[in-house]
Amino acid sequence: MPVRVSSGLKLICFFIVFLLGMFMVAASDAKATPPSPTYGTAVVDGSISEWNLTTDLFGSMYRAFNNTKPLEAQYYLRYNCTTEVLYVLVQTEDGVDALEEPTNAWATVDGGHGKVYTGADEGNTSVPEFEWVGPFGTNATLSETTATGYEAAFSLAPGSHTVVIHVEVFDDGGAQTAGSAGSGDSLEISCTGGSTGSISIIKDTVPNDAQDFSFSTTGGLSPSSFSLDDDSDGTLSNTETFSSLANGSYSVTEASATGFTLDDITCSGNTSSTFTFSPSALSSFQAGDTSVSITLASAEDLTCTFRNIPTSTPTTGSISIIKDTVPNDAQDFSYSTTGGLSPSSFSLDDDSDGTLSNTETFSSLADGSYSVTEASAAGFTLDDITCSGNTSSTFTFSPSGLSSFQAGDTSVSITLASAEDLTCTFRNIPTSTPSGSLDFGDAPDGLGGPSYPTLLASNGARHTLGSGLLMGTTVDSESDGQPNLAATGDGSDEDGVYLPALFVEGGTPTFTVGVVNPTASMATLTCWMDMNGDGTFDSSERGTATVPAGTNETVTITLASSIPAGAAATLGGITYLRCRLSTDGVLAPDGLASDGEVEDYKASVSATDKDSDDDGIPDSVEGPQDRDHDGIPDYLDRDPQGYIYCENNGKIMPGGSISVSGPAPATIVLDGSTGIYSFMVSVDGMYVLTVTPPPGTTIDNTFLNSSIFDPTGMPDPVVLGPGENGGTGFLTPGYPTTFYINFDLMTGDPLIIDNNIPLICPAAAVGGDPPVWGNVIVFPTPEAAHGQDLNNDGDLDDTVLRYEYATTGEIVNTGISVSGRHRDTDIYGENIVFVQRPNTLLDKILSMFNPSGQIGVYNITTGKTRMLGISGSKPAIYGNIISISGSQLSYYDLSRSKLIKTDIPAENQVIWGKMIAYETVPESSDQPQIYLYNVESAATITTGAAGSQPAIQGNVVTFQTREQDVGHDLNGDGDALDTVIRYYDIATGKTFNTQMAGQDPAVYGNHIVFSQDHTILYYDIEKHETLTTGDLGTEPDIYGSTITYYVWEEWRHRDLNLDGDERDPIIGTHSISDSDRVLVQTHATQLVSQRVALGQLRVQKNSFIFAIKAQGANIESTRLEVYGMNGQLLFDSGFTAGNESTWRWLRADGARVANGVYLYRIIVRGEDGQRISSPVKMVLVLR
C-alpha cells in the first residue's frame, strides 16, 4: 500500500538518494549538443513552442540519478549570452508523469547544495523563473497533480560548469526521483569574441496546406537550402532554426510555388539587428518581395515568418441524394442524372442489408445546372421530393415545372450556386399492400380454458399491413393467428403496451400504450381485458382512445368498468388483454381491419394487492420504477419504514430494536433487530418512535427533525431517505438524511418509508492491501494512521500485521512489524505469510532499490510466528507452498522447510494448487509476458499473453496488459494508452479480454475483481459482463462472494476511523449479490464478443431496431436491455422470437427518455437453449 511521508521527509530522502547516486559509477551519456548548450533564448510560460527538441536536447534523467536504471525524462538547455541566463526544459518519457511537487523540481550547479531554482519560483517575472508544462492531469494512486515537465531559467556566468537537473515522477506504479546521472553533466558556456544569436524561419500558409516551399540562403547559413510546409503530417517541419550565429549579414529567399502568392514576410526579435526586403530594398515587406536580408547584431534571436495564400480559391459544392422508403423496404430504386454528374446512373434502397446504400453524394461540383430523375418501381409511388441546404441555389421539379414537389413529379433540376452543399430526399410509399400481409394476435384459441378469436378459423383479429400505423416500434406479418398460453406467439410484435405488475379486484384497469400514426387520418385505439374469464372481450370490458394523424407518443387507456370481486379466483389469477389500432374506428375484438396492428397480452389479477417484497407497500403502488437506481424495480425492492445504519459508511446495522407509543398499541412488523423496522397503527393519533441502538453505537441526532410529521395528502409512498443498494447491506449513497420520531398518523395515510436512523458506529479498521481467505481479512496497519503503538516499541513508525473476522468484526493485533507494500501479505487457511524489513531511515531508503525482506508465517490458530530465514518480496501461499518474488522463480515448502530455487527469471509470482503464475520479459520481446510453472513436474507453460501483475485461482489466470505493449486498443476507446484486464484459461489455453481498463486484478470462481479510477469493479466470466460495487477503493482481493479492498478517507470525504482527519487508509468489503445490476460501460468502438455481435442498428422514427448476428448458434429469440449511464435498468424487452429487438426510447413505465447517451446489451437464446450476451455498448438518443 502507499506509504505517506511529509514533504520534509521526502526532501531528506531525495537528498540522500542523490548522495547515493553520486557514488554510483556510470558511463558517460551521448548527448545531442553537449558540452555546449544551444545559444538562444526562451520564454518561461509553460509553452514549449519555441524549443527545438532535437537541437536543444542536452541530457538524460534517470531513476535515482543512475543511468543503469530506467530513463524517466530528458532535459534541454538554451543560453542567452546577452543576459547570461540559462534556460531549462524538462520533458518526461512516454508513460511517465511529472509530479507537481515544487520542492522536488530543482537544479544545482558545480556540486553545490544550493538550488538555483525550484518549483516554488513558479509565477516569478524575473530569474529565477519556473512554470509547469502540460498537458496536466491527476495521479489516481497518489492523488497529486501531474504535468509532462517544466520550464525554468536562472542566471549563470559563462565558463565551465557541472549541472544536476531534478524532477519527481510517477512510473511503475509509484513516485520515483529522476535526475542527470552521477555528479552532474558538464556544461561549457562560451561567449568570447562576441555573443551568438539565431535566425528562425517559419512557414505560415493561410489556410494550412500541404504545399512544400523551397528556400535558399547566403552568409554561410547551414543548410544553404531547405524546404518547409504548413500541414500536420510531420514529413516536413514548418520551422528552420539557424543557431550559434555570429553577428553579420545573412539572407533567406523563398522560391515561387505554383498556386500560391507570398503575401507577407514579418520579422521580429530585433533591437539592434536590421531587415531589408527584396527586390523592393525597403525595410518593410512590399508586394512582390521574395527575400529578406538580415544584419544580425547583439547576438539577437530573430524570427521571420513567410506567409503564403492561395493564388485563387476553388469554389465547389455537393449534391446528396437520399432514398427514404416508408416503411423501410428492400426495393431497389434506379436514378439517372444530367449535367455531368458521375456516376450518371445509380441505384439506392432503404433496408439494412448493406448491399446498396440509401445515399449517393456528388462532391466537388462547380456551380451550374444538374438534374436527378427516379425511375418508376413496381408497387411503389414517389410520394415526395424534399430538397434543402440552399440559399442561392434553386430547385425545379418535373414534369410539373414548379419550385415545390407535386404529385406525379419524378425529377428535380438543380441550379447549384455559391458552392452550396445540397440534399434531396426521394420518399416512396407502397402503392398497395401485398396480398396476405397481415398481422394476427396470439391470445389462446382452442388451447383449453378461455378461447379467444385469434385464429383465422375463428375470424381472428387481423390487420392489413403497410400503412405504418402501429403500437410500439415493431409489427410483423403472419399467415394465421399464433395462439399460446403466454400470448407471446408472434414474438417481437408485442412491444407497445405497458402493463402494471398486476391488476387488483375493485380497481379500474389503466395502462399506457405507445402509438405511431403516420397516416393522414385519425386512428382509434381499442383495448379489452377479459375480467370474467368467459373467453370473450365484452364491450363492458373495453376502453378507447383517439390517435390523431401524425401522433408518435404514449396514450393512456382506462377500461370502462372495474374488476369485479372474486375475479382473481374465477380467473385463477391470470387473464388476457387485447389492443387494436386502426383508422377504421372502434373495432370489434375480431375480424379484419384495413390497417394498423393487434397486440395480445397475458395479465395478472389479484384479489388483494400483492406485496412481492414484503415491505408493506402494495405492488400496484410501488410499480416497476426504480426510485433508488439500484437496478431493482420498486415492487421487488424492499423498502420498509426505515433502516438503522452507520452514518460513516451507510452499513445497515443489526442488533437494535424499536418501540412505538401512542393512543393504542402499534403492531410491530419488523422490530429493528436486523437493522430494518416497520410498524402499523389501527387508531388515529400521535405516535412516538423510540429506537434502542445496537450495542457499541449511539444515535446521531444531528439530522433529527423533532417536529411532528403528518403524511396526510402526500404522495404514496412518502420517501424520506435512501433505500438499500440491492442486497448489499448498505444504503444507496445519499445518507445521512433528516429523520423523524413524532408522527400524526391516520388509517388510510400514505405509507412512510426510509425514515432512516443514523448511528455513530465504532471506528472503521485502518489498514491497506487486504488479502482475504474464508472469514479472515488480513491487513497491515500503519501505526501513524491508527494512532497507537501496536507493537509496543515506543514509537508510531511501524506497519503492524492485523486481521479481522468478517462475521463478528473482531480485530486481532499480532504485534508483528511487517512491510506495507502491495502484495507483501497473503493468507491461506490458518497461515498468514508476510514480509518483514528493518525500519531505520537508511533501510527505508535502500528498500527503494531492493524491496526484499525476511519472509515469515503467522499461524492464526496457535498465534505463533515462524521466520523462514529467507528473503524476498510479494509472497503468495497455497497449502504448504509459498511462492516468493525475486530475480528468479523460487518457492518454499513449509512441510519440508526447504527453499526450491530455479534459474527462471520471474517477477510477481502467485500460486494456486500446483501452478505458479508469474511475469517475465522473454529474450524475444521488450515487454513482460505471463507464464506458468508446475511445481510438481517443473514444466513451464507459455501463455503467449503480454501482461503483468498476475493472479490465479483454479484454471483462471488474470492479469493486466498495457495497450502500448501489444499495440492494440483492447478496450475500444479509440486509443492504445490504457491498461486493460485480461485472463487466461489454463484448461483451453486461450486468452480472453474483459475490455475493461483497470489494475490490480484478483480472481475467485467466476469473478475477477479489479480497480478502475479508484472504483472497485468485478467481471463475471460466465456472463461476460462487468458490474460495479459502487465502492471507492483500490488493491482488491476476493474469496467466494466477499471482495476486500482499502480506501483513502479523502476519497469518500469522511472520517471513517473517527480520529479527526480524513487522511487514513481504511479497510472495506463488498458482498457480491444477484441483486447487483449496475452494469459498467465499455466503449462502443468496434466491440465484438465471442459469439454475439450487433449486425446493424437502424433508426426509425423515435425508435432503434437492433439487428442481431451470432456465431455458432441459430438464434431462437433475442432480448434487449437498456440502462442509464448510472447503470439503472430502463428497458427490458424480454425474449422475443427472431433476431431483432426494438427500443422505442421509452422507460419500462412508458415514460419517454431524454436525449442523451444510454447503455445497452443484447442477449440471444439459441435453438440449443444456450444464452449468449454481448458486451455493454453505448447508443445516442437525439431527437
Foldseek 3Di string as FASTA:
>chain_A
DDDDDDPVVVLVLLVVLLVVLQPDDDDDDDWQDPLEAFEEDDDFDQDCVVPDCRRFWGAWKAFSLAPVHDTFWTKGWYAYQLQQKIKMWIFTDPPKWFFLDFQFWFKDKALDPDTQHTNVQDPDPDPQYKDFHAPWDADLQVRTITHRTMMGMGHDHAAKMFMKGWTWMDDPHGITIIINGHSGDIHGGDQPPHHAAKEKEFEQEVVFDPDKKKKAKDDPFPPRIDIAGGDDPPPHHRMDMGTRHDFAKMKMFIDDDPQKAFDAKDKDQDDPKAKAWPPVRHRGDDGPTGMIMIGDDRRTYMYIYTYMYGPDDQFAAKEKEFEQEVVFDPDKKKKAKDDPFPPRIDIAGGDQPPPHHRMDMGTRHDFAKMKMFIDDDPQKAFPAKDKDFDDPKAKAWPPVRDRGDDGPTGMIMIGDPRRTYMYIYTYMFGPDADPQFKFFWAAAAPPDFAHAQTWVVSLGEMEGEGQNKEWARDTGGDNTGQYDNQRFRFFQRPDFWFAWQAAEAPAWGKTKGWTAAQDQAKKKKKKFWPLQRNNAGDQQRMWMDIAHHGDGAMDMTTGNDGRHQPSCVRNVQKTKMKMWMARPPHDGNGHYGHYYHMYMGMHGYDHDFDQQCPQPAGSVQQTQPDVLQLQGRRSNARWHQAFEAAQQFQAGDAAKFKAKDWPDGWAWPDTCRRRGTHIGDDAFFKMFMDIGDHPQKDFDCPQEDADEDEQAPPRAAAEFFFDCNFPWRGTRPDDDTHAYGMYGDDPVGHHHTHSYTYIHHAFFDFFFLWADDDQKTKGWHQQVQVVDQLLPPPDRQFTFIKMARNVPRDIGTLSDGFDRDHLQWYDDDQKIKGFHWDRDPVRVSVCVVPVKGWIKIAGNVVSDIGTLPDIAGNWEDDDQWIWGADQFTWIAGNVVSDIDTDRHGFGQWYDDDQKIKTWDADPVFPFIAIKIAGNVVRDIGGLVGTFHNWEDDDQKIKGKHQQVRVVDQLQQPPDRGFIFIKMAGNVVSDIGGLSDGFHQWYDDDQWIWTDDSQFIKIAGNVQSFIFGLPDGFHNWYDDDQKIKGKDQQVVVPGSRNPPPDRGTIGIDMTGDDPSNQQTAETEARPAWDPFKDFSDWDDDVQKIKTFIDTPPFAFQWKWKWKAANRRHTFDISPTTGDGIHMDNCHGSSRHHHDWDKIKMKMWTAGPVRDIHIGYIYIDTDDD
